[in-house]
Amino acid sequence: MRFHAYLNTAKTLLQNYNGSEPLNYYLKNYFSSHKKHGSKDRKFISELCYCYCRIGKALPQLTIEEKIKTALFLCNTQVNNWQDLFENNWLDNWHKELSKRIEFIKSEFENFNVEDIFPFKNEVSESIDFTAFAIAHLIQPNLFLRIRPLNTQTVIEKLKKAELNFKILHDTCIALPNASKINELIHINKEVVIQDYSSQQISKYFTLIQSLEKNSNSSVFTIWDCCAASGGKSILAKDILGNIQLTVSDIRKNILHNLQKRFNEADIKNYHSFVADIASKNWKPFQAKFKIVICDVPCSGSGTWSRTPEQILFFSTEKIKEYAILQKNIVSNVVSQIENGGYFLYITCSVFKAENEGVVSFIQEKHSLQLIQFEVLKGYDKEADSMFVALFKK
C-alpha cells in the first residue's frame, strides 16, 4: 500500500507542476511544507516524478498514472521495490537490457515510438543518431570527474579505498553513478573538477591551439572567458595551457561570486573579472585584445536534458530562435576583442542546428573568421551530456 501511496502523491504533484521552476525546486518546496514525508518517502516520490518526465512526449494517450508506471518500467533495470504496482506479465518482461523492455512496451502500446520522447527531431543536428539520443533520456547520466594535473594517483587511491563504483574513461576522466557522495572524500576543484564528459573534451581544442602556436614567440596565452558562469572552462584552460593571463566575465554578479570561490579552491589567483551584458546593443568594445576568446554561450541546454528531463515537457521551439539571436548578438560583440591571429572557441550544450551549425555559418559569413574545426560532442552513448564546439581563427 505504501508504494501505491507514493504513486498517488507523484500523480498529484505532476498534475500541478507547470514547469515554471526546475522540478527539483518544485519537489523541494513541496517536501519542506509536507514534513510527513521521511527521507525514503522523498526518494521514492521523486523517482516517480523524474521517471515520468524521462519518457517526454511519448504515449500521450495514457493517463498520468499509466505513464508513471510505463516510465518506471523503462527507466529501471530491475523492479526493486515497485512490484506491487505491476501485473505479472510486466514483471515477467522486466529485463535488464533496455532494448528488451522497449520491445515489451511496443507490444503493449502499438503507437509507442522512442523518438517521441524528444519531440524536436527536425531541429536536431544531423550528425546525431536521433534514436539513440532519444533513448538516452531514459537513463540518468553519470557523475563525471576531471582529475587535475598531478593528482591522478591520489584521487584513484581515495576512490578505491572508499570502495566506490567508478570507471576510468581516460587518463583524467572518471565516471561514477550520479548519486555518489564524493564531497568529503576528494578536494573538489583542487584535486578534481566536477565536469561532464563532453565538457572535458573541450581540452582537445586547447591542445590543438597549443600545437598551432608551438612556434609562437609568446609563452603566455591571454584568454577571455566571456560567458564564464562558474569557471569550468577557465580551469580547464589553465590545466591544459598552463601559463595563461585570464579575464572572466558574466552577466550575473552572484555567479562571478561563485566563480571567485571556486577559483580560490582551484588555486587560481591572478585573473581579472567583471560583470557585463555582452549581448547588449549598447555593448562597447574595450581596449584589451586576447589570443583566445572562450564563448560558452547561453543556450537551450537541450544536450543536457537527460539531467533535467522536465525541460522536454515544457520547451517550445520558438525559444530556439530566441537563443540563436542572443548567441549571434554575443558573438558579434566579442569578436572584436580577438587579436589578429587569435582564436575564437564557440561552445553550446545544445543539440539544435540553429544554435550550433547555424551560428557557425553566421560567424563565417558576417565576421570572416576561419573555421578550423567543429564537432558535435556526443555524450548520449556514454551516459553524458551532448555539446557542440567550433574553433575559429582570426
Protein backbone atom coordinates (compact mmCIF):
# COMPACT_ATOMS: atom_id res chain seq x y z
CA MET A 1 0.00 0.00 0.00
CA ARG A 2 2.90 2.35 0.75
CA PHE A 3 4.08 2.33 -2.87
CA HIS A 4 0.55 2.93 -4.15
CA ALA A 5 0.51 5.99 -1.87
CA TYR A 6 3.78 7.17 -3.42
CA LEU A 7 2.20 6.76 -6.85
CA ASN A 8 -0.83 8.84 -5.87
CA THR A 9 1.36 11.59 -4.40
CA ALA A 10 3.53 11.70 -7.52
CA LYS A 11 0.43 11.84 -9.72
CA THR A 12 -0.90 14.85 -7.80
CA LEU A 13 2.47 16.60 -7.91
CA LEU A 14 2.78 16.12 -11.66
CA GLN A 15 -0.77 17.30 -12.30
CA ASN A 16 0.06 20.58 -10.53
CA TYR A 17 3.54 21.07 -12.00
CA ASN A 18 3.68 23.70 -14.75
CA GLY A 19 7.40 23.85 -15.49
CA SER A 20 7.82 27.43 -14.23
CA GLU A 21 10.63 26.28 -11.93
CA PRO A 22 13.04 23.33 -12.09
CA LEU A 23 11.46 20.08 -10.93
CA ASN A 24 13.98 19.64 -8.12
CA TYR A 25 12.99 23.07 -6.67
CA TYR A 26 9.30 22.25 -7.01
CA LEU A 27 9.73 18.95 -5.17
CA LYS A 28 11.97 20.51 -2.53
CA ASN A 29 9.35 23.17 -1.79
CA TYR A 30 6.62 20.54 -1.58
CA PHE A 31 8.57 18.35 0.83
CA SER A 32 9.56 21.31 3.01
CA SER A 33 5.88 22.11 3.54
CA HIS A 34 4.83 18.46 3.97
CA LYS A 35 7.02 17.19 6.78
CA LYS A 36 5.19 13.86 6.96
CA HIS A 37 7.44 12.52 4.19
CA GLY A 38 10.63 10.97 5.51
CA SER A 39 13.86 10.67 3.51
CA LYS A 40 12.85 7.36 1.91
CA ASP A 41 9.42 8.74 1.02
CA ARG A 42 11.04 11.73 -0.66
CA LYS A 43 13.40 9.50 -2.59
CA PHE A 44 10.66 7.23 -3.94
CA ILE A 45 8.24 10.04 -4.82
CA SER A 46 11.00 11.98 -6.58
CA GLU A 47 11.98 8.90 -8.57
CA LEU A 48 8.42 8.51 -9.85
CA CYS A 49 8.26 12.16 -10.91
CA TYR A 50 11.58 12.08 -12.73
CA CYS A 51 10.79 8.80 -14.48
CA TYR A 52 7.54 10.31 -15.74
CA CYS A 53 9.47 13.22 -17.25
CA ARG A 54 12.03 10.91 -18.85
CA ILE A 55 9.57 9.48 -21.37
CA GLY A 56 8.90 13.02 -22.59
CA LYS A 57 6.05 13.32 -25.08
CA ALA A 58 5.75 9.58 -25.80
CA LEU A 59 2.40 7.83 -25.23
CA PRO A 60 0.23 10.95 -24.89
CA GLN A 61 -2.94 8.85 -24.75
CA LEU A 62 -2.02 7.35 -21.36
CA THR A 63 -3.17 8.73 -18.02
CA ILE A 64 -0.53 10.22 -15.73
CA GLU A 65 -0.62 7.08 -13.58
CA GLU A 66 -0.16 4.83 -16.61
CA LYS A 67 2.71 6.97 -17.88
CA ILE A 68 4.43 6.89 -14.49
CA LYS A 69 4.28 3.10 -14.40
CA THR A 70 5.42 2.76 -18.01
CA ALA A 71 8.30 5.15 -17.36
CA LEU A 72 9.27 3.31 -14.19
CA PHE A 73 9.44 0.09 -16.20
CA LEU A 74 11.57 1.65 -18.94
CA CYS A 75 13.94 3.57 -16.68
CA ASN A 76 14.93 0.78 -14.27
CA THR A 77 16.95 -2.35 -14.94
CA GLN A 78 15.08 -4.21 -12.20
CA VAL A 79 11.77 -3.86 -10.39
CA ASN A 80 13.32 -3.09 -6.98
CA ASN A 81 10.52 -2.03 -4.60
CA TRP A 82 7.84 -1.39 -7.20
CA GLN A 83 6.47 -4.88 -7.89
CA ASP A 84 3.11 -4.22 -6.19
CA LEU A 85 2.31 -1.67 -8.90
CA PHE A 86 2.65 -4.11 -11.80
CA GLU A 87 0.84 -7.07 -13.29
CA ASN A 88 2.67 -10.37 -13.68
CA ASN A 89 3.26 -10.05 -17.43
CA TRP A 90 5.13 -6.78 -16.84
CA LEU A 91 7.20 -8.35 -14.08
CA ASP A 92 7.98 -11.33 -16.32
CA ASN A 93 9.29 -8.99 -19.02
CA TRP A 94 11.36 -6.76 -16.75
CA HIS A 95 14.66 -7.48 -18.49
CA LYS A 96 17.96 -5.92 -17.58
CA GLU A 97 18.50 -4.91 -21.22
CA LEU A 98 16.72 -1.67 -22.06
CA SER A 99 16.14 -2.80 -25.65
CA LYS A 100 14.03 -5.73 -24.44
CA ARG A 101 11.98 -3.51 -22.14
CA ILE A 102 11.36 -1.16 -25.06
CA GLU A 103 10.18 -4.07 -27.21
CA PHE A 104 7.73 -5.11 -24.49
CA ILE A 105 6.26 -1.60 -24.29
CA LYS A 106 5.91 -1.62 -28.09
CA SER A 107 3.93 -4.86 -27.79
CA GLU A 108 1.69 -3.31 -25.14
CA PHE A 109 1.20 0.03 -26.91
CA GLU A 110 1.27 -0.12 -30.71
CA ASN A 111 1.85 3.61 -31.13
CA PHE A 112 4.90 3.72 -28.85
CA ASN A 113 7.87 5.24 -30.67
CA VAL A 114 11.03 6.02 -28.71
CA GLU A 115 11.67 9.05 -30.93
CA ASP A 116 8.53 10.65 -29.47
CA ILE A 117 10.40 11.00 -26.18
CA PHE A 118 12.23 14.03 -27.62
CA PRO A 119 9.71 15.74 -29.92
CA PHE A 120 12.14 18.11 -31.66
CA LYS A 121 13.75 15.81 -34.23
CA ASN A 122 13.63 18.34 -37.07
CA GLU A 123 15.65 20.82 -35.01
CA VAL A 124 18.49 18.45 -34.09
CA SER A 125 21.94 18.43 -35.71
CA GLU A 126 22.05 15.83 -38.48
CA SER A 127 25.21 14.11 -37.23
CA ILE A 128 23.35 12.91 -34.14
CA ASP A 129 21.91 9.39 -34.08
CA PHE A 130 18.48 10.62 -33.11
CA THR A 131 17.02 7.28 -31.98
CA ALA A 132 19.98 6.62 -29.68
CA PHE A 133 19.83 10.21 -28.43
CA ALA A 134 16.10 9.94 -27.61
CA ILE A 135 16.53 6.61 -25.81
CA ALA A 136 19.37 8.07 -23.72
CA HIS A 137 16.83 10.25 -21.89
CA LEU A 138 15.56 7.11 -20.15
CA ILE A 139 18.89 6.81 -18.32
CA GLN A 140 20.17 9.14 -15.61
CA PRO A 141 23.60 10.44 -16.67
CA ASN A 142 26.71 9.66 -14.70
CA LEU A 143 28.67 11.95 -12.43
CA PHE A 144 31.97 12.80 -14.12
CA LEU A 145 35.18 13.97 -12.52
CA ARG A 146 38.16 15.52 -14.26
CA ILE A 147 41.37 14.86 -12.39
CA ARG A 148 43.54 17.97 -12.23
CA PRO A 149 47.29 17.80 -13.00
CA LEU A 150 49.50 15.83 -10.59
CA ASN A 151 46.52 14.36 -8.70
CA THR A 152 45.77 11.15 -10.62
CA GLN A 153 47.31 8.65 -8.23
CA THR A 154 45.92 10.38 -5.13
CA VAL A 155 42.36 10.54 -6.47
CA ILE A 156 42.24 6.95 -7.70
CA GLU A 157 43.63 5.66 -4.40
CA LYS A 158 40.96 7.59 -2.48
CA LEU A 159 38.17 6.20 -4.67
CA LYS A 160 39.46 2.64 -4.30
CA LYS A 161 39.84 2.99 -0.55
CA ALA A 162 36.23 4.22 -0.28
CA GLU A 163 35.17 1.20 -2.39
CA LEU A 164 33.19 3.41 -4.75
CA ASN A 165 31.99 2.05 -8.06
CA PHE A 166 33.84 4.04 -10.74
CA LYS A 167 35.22 3.76 -14.27
CA ILE A 168 38.34 5.40 -15.66
CA LEU A 169 37.34 6.58 -19.14
CA HIS A 170 40.76 8.01 -19.92
CA ASP A 171 43.74 9.41 -18.05
CA THR A 172 41.89 12.27 -16.37
CA CYS A 173 38.19 11.35 -16.69
CA ILE A 174 36.31 9.26 -14.13
CA ALA A 175 32.65 8.23 -14.29
CA LEU A 176 30.63 7.39 -11.17
CA PRO A 177 26.93 6.73 -10.50
CA ASN A 178 25.11 10.04 -10.20
CA ALA A 179 24.32 9.69 -6.50
CA SER A 180 27.95 9.05 -5.47
CA LYS A 181 28.98 11.01 -2.38
CA ILE A 182 32.45 12.38 -3.01
CA ASN A 183 32.47 15.82 -1.39
CA GLU A 184 34.04 14.62 1.85
CA LEU A 185 36.32 12.17 0.07
CA ILE A 186 38.10 14.32 -2.51
CA HIS A 187 39.04 18.00 -2.56
CA ILE A 188 36.63 19.38 -5.17
CA ASN A 189 38.21 21.95 -7.52
CA LYS A 190 41.65 21.34 -6.03
CA GLU A 191 42.15 17.65 -6.86
CA VAL A 192 39.23 17.15 -9.25
CA VAL A 193 36.65 19.24 -11.05
CA ILE A 194 33.07 18.02 -11.38
CA GLN A 195 32.72 18.33 -15.14
CA ASP A 196 30.68 16.35 -17.64
CA TYR A 197 32.48 14.01 -20.03
CA SER A 198 31.65 16.09 -23.11
CA SER A 199 32.70 19.32 -21.41
CA GLN A 200 36.04 17.70 -20.64
CA GLN A 201 36.51 17.04 -24.37
CA ILE A 202 36.95 20.79 -24.89
CA SER A 203 40.53 20.13 -23.72
CA LYS A 204 41.26 18.79 -27.24
CA TYR A 205 40.73 22.27 -28.62
CA PHE A 206 43.09 23.91 -26.16
CA THR A 207 45.66 21.26 -27.09
CA LEU A 208 45.03 22.00 -30.77
CA ILE A 209 45.61 25.72 -30.21
CA GLN A 210 48.79 24.87 -28.32
CA SER A 211 50.07 22.82 -31.25
CA LEU A 212 49.15 25.53 -33.77
CA GLU A 213 51.08 28.06 -31.68
CA LYS A 214 54.15 25.92 -30.97
CA ASN A 215 56.38 28.26 -33.00
CA SER A 216 54.96 31.41 -31.44
CA ASN A 217 57.28 33.83 -29.67
CA SER A 218 54.78 34.34 -26.83
CA SER A 219 54.85 31.97 -23.86
CA VAL A 220 51.64 33.33 -22.31
CA PHE A 221 48.11 32.85 -23.65
CA THR A 222 45.81 35.81 -22.99
CA ILE A 223 42.29 34.43 -22.53
CA TRP A 224 38.86 35.98 -22.09
CA ASP A 225 36.16 33.58 -20.91
CA CYS A 226 33.31 35.92 -21.79
CA CYS A 227 30.35 33.83 -20.53
CA ALA A 228 32.31 32.29 -17.69
CA ALA A 229 29.49 31.12 -15.38
CA SER A 230 31.23 29.18 -12.60
CA GLY A 231 34.52 28.99 -14.49
CA GLY A 232 34.80 25.35 -15.52
CA LYS A 233 36.24 26.10 -18.97
CA SER A 234 38.71 28.58 -17.47
CA ILE A 235 40.02 25.98 -15.03
CA LEU A 236 40.31 23.53 -17.93
CA ALA A 237 42.25 26.11 -19.97
CA LYS A 238 44.60 26.70 -17.04
CA ASP A 239 45.23 22.98 -16.60
CA ILE A 240 45.94 22.40 -20.31
CA LEU A 241 47.72 25.60 -21.35
CA GLY A 242 49.49 26.31 -18.06
CA ASN A 243 50.80 29.85 -18.33
CA ILE A 244 47.73 32.00 -19.04
CA GLN A 245 46.63 35.56 -18.41
CA LEU A 246 42.93 35.17 -17.63
CA THR A 247 39.94 37.51 -17.82
CA VAL A 248 36.44 36.30 -16.97
CA SER A 249 33.03 37.93 -17.26
CA ASP A 250 29.36 37.10 -16.83
CA ILE A 251 26.08 38.98 -16.74
CA ARG A 252 25.32 37.65 -13.25
CA LYS A 253 27.22 39.12 -10.30
CA ASN A 254 26.27 36.23 -7.98
CA ILE A 255 27.68 33.72 -10.48
CA LEU A 256 31.00 35.55 -10.51
CA HIS A 257 30.97 35.39 -6.72
CA ASN A 258 30.65 31.60 -7.00
CA LEU A 259 33.45 31.62 -9.58
CA GLN A 260 35.70 33.53 -7.18
CA LYS A 261 35.12 30.89 -4.50
CA ARG A 262 35.77 28.10 -6.98
CA PHE A 263 38.94 29.72 -8.34
CA ASN A 264 40.21 30.11 -4.80
CA GLU A 265 39.71 26.37 -4.22
CA ALA A 266 41.41 25.67 -7.56
CA ASP A 267 44.36 27.90 -6.60
CA ILE A 268 43.75 30.29 -9.49
CA LYS A 269 44.61 33.71 -8.13
CA ASN A 270 45.83 36.01 -10.90
CA TYR A 271 42.83 36.89 -13.03
CA HIS A 272 40.58 39.84 -13.86
CA SER A 273 36.78 39.61 -13.59
CA PHE A 274 33.93 41.94 -14.43
CA VAL A 275 30.14 41.92 -14.79
CA ALA A 276 28.92 42.58 -18.32
CA ASP A 277 25.92 42.09 -20.56
CA ILE A 278 27.83 41.16 -23.68
CA ALA A 279 24.62 40.59 -25.67
CA SER A 280 23.53 44.21 -25.24
CA LYS A 281 23.11 46.53 -28.22
CA ASN A 282 24.86 49.12 -26.05
CA TRP A 283 27.96 46.96 -25.63
CA LYS A 284 31.16 48.92 -26.21
CA PRO A 285 34.41 47.11 -27.05
CA PHE A 286 37.24 47.64 -24.59
CA GLN A 287 40.92 48.13 -25.27
CA ALA A 288 42.29 44.69 -24.43
CA LYS A 289 42.80 42.05 -27.13
CA PHE A 290 43.05 38.33 -26.44
CA LYS A 291 44.76 35.36 -28.03
CA ILE A 292 41.77 33.16 -27.12
CA VAL A 293 38.16 34.13 -26.53
CA ILE A 294 36.11 31.33 -24.97
CA CYS A 295 32.42 31.84 -25.72
CA ASP A 296 30.32 29.22 -23.92
CA VAL A 297 27.05 30.92 -24.80
CA PRO A 298 23.66 30.80 -23.05
CA CYS A 299 21.61 28.21 -24.92
CA SER A 300 18.60 25.91 -24.74
CA GLY A 301 20.66 23.33 -22.85
CA SER A 302 18.96 20.63 -24.92
CA GLY A 303 22.06 18.42 -24.81
CA THR A 304 21.71 18.19 -21.02
CA TRP A 305 18.00 17.39 -20.67
CA SER A 306 18.63 13.82 -19.56
CA ARG A 307 19.68 15.55 -16.30
CA THR A 308 16.62 17.83 -16.24
CA PRO A 309 14.05 15.84 -18.25
CA GLU A 310 11.17 18.13 -17.27
CA GLN A 311 12.55 20.53 -19.89
CA ILE A 312 11.32 18.20 -22.64
CA LEU A 313 7.72 18.59 -21.47
CA PHE A 314 7.63 22.38 -21.41
CA PHE A 315 10.11 23.57 -24.05
CA SER A 316 8.74 25.50 -27.03
CA THR A 317 10.58 25.53 -30.36
CA GLU A 318 10.04 29.30 -30.57
CA LYS A 319 12.74 29.61 -27.91
CA ILE A 320 15.35 28.16 -30.27
CA LYS A 321 15.15 31.24 -32.47
CA GLU A 322 15.39 33.50 -29.41
CA TYR A 323 18.55 31.72 -28.25
CA ALA A 324 20.09 31.86 -31.73
CA ILE A 325 19.52 35.63 -31.89
CA LEU A 326 21.08 36.04 -28.43
CA GLN A 327 24.07 33.92 -29.44
CA LYS A 328 24.66 35.91 -32.62
CA ASN A 329 24.49 39.16 -30.66
CA ILE A 330 27.09 37.88 -28.21
CA VAL A 331 29.38 36.66 -30.99
CA SER A 332 29.09 39.96 -32.86
CA ASN A 333 30.02 41.92 -29.74
CA VAL A 334 33.04 39.88 -28.67
CA VAL A 335 34.86 39.01 -31.91
CA SER A 336 36.48 42.46 -31.99
CA GLN A 337 38.34 41.52 -28.79
CA ILE A 338 40.25 38.73 -30.56
CA GLU A 339 43.75 39.75 -31.59
CA ASN A 340 44.83 39.14 -35.18
CA GLY A 341 45.94 35.52 -35.38
CA GLY A 342 43.92 34.73 -32.27
CA TYR A 343 41.26 32.09 -31.68
CA PHE A 344 37.54 32.06 -31.03
CA LEU A 345 36.12 28.99 -29.26
CA TYR A 346 32.32 28.78 -29.59
CA ILE A 347 30.58 26.30 -27.28
CA THR A 348 26.99 25.27 -26.53
CA CYS A 349 25.35 22.45 -24.59
CA SER A 350 22.63 22.32 -27.24
CA VAL A 351 21.82 19.73 -29.92
CA PHE A 352 19.80 22.16 -32.05
CA LYS A 353 21.14 23.10 -35.51
CA ALA A 354 20.12 26.75 -35.23
CA GLU A 355 22.28 27.21 -32.12
CA ASN A 356 25.20 25.21 -33.50
CA GLU A 357 25.85 24.88 -37.23
CA GLY A 358 23.58 27.87 -37.84
CA VAL A 359 25.76 30.14 -35.71
CA VAL A 360 28.92 28.71 -37.32
CA SER A 361 27.57 29.78 -40.72
CA PHE A 362 26.73 33.21 -39.31
CA ILE A 363 30.26 33.62 -37.93
CA GLN A 364 31.80 32.69 -41.28
CA GLU A 365 29.51 34.93 -43.31
CA LYS A 366 29.34 38.00 -41.05
CA HIS A 367 32.71 38.02 -39.33
CA SER A 368 35.02 36.28 -41.81
CA LEU A 369 36.69 34.09 -39.22
CA GLN A 370 38.47 30.98 -40.48
CA LEU A 371 36.78 27.79 -39.30
CA ILE A 372 39.42 25.34 -38.10
CA GLN A 373 37.20 22.57 -36.76
CA PHE A 374 33.73 21.96 -35.37
CA GLU A 375 32.16 18.96 -33.69
CA VAL A 376 29.04 17.68 -32.01
CA LEU A 377 30.33 16.16 -28.78
CA LYS A 378 28.06 13.13 -28.48
CA GLY A 379 27.51 12.08 -24.90
CA TYR A 380 24.35 10.02 -25.35
CA ASP A 381 26.32 6.77 -25.75
CA LYS A 382 28.34 7.47 -22.59
CA GLU A 383 25.56 8.46 -20.17
CA ALA A 384 26.79 12.03 -20.53
CA ASP A 385 25.66 15.37 -21.94
CA SER A 386 25.91 16.28 -25.61
CA MET A 387 27.56 19.55 -26.63
CA PHE A 388 28.81 21.49 -29.63
CA VAL A 389 32.17 23.17 -30.16
CA ALA A 390 33.68 25.17 -33.01
CA LEU A 391 37.17 26.68 -33.21
CA PHE A 392 37.90 29.69 -35.43
CA LYS A 393 41.00 31.73 -36.18
CA LYS A 394 41.01 35.46 -36.85
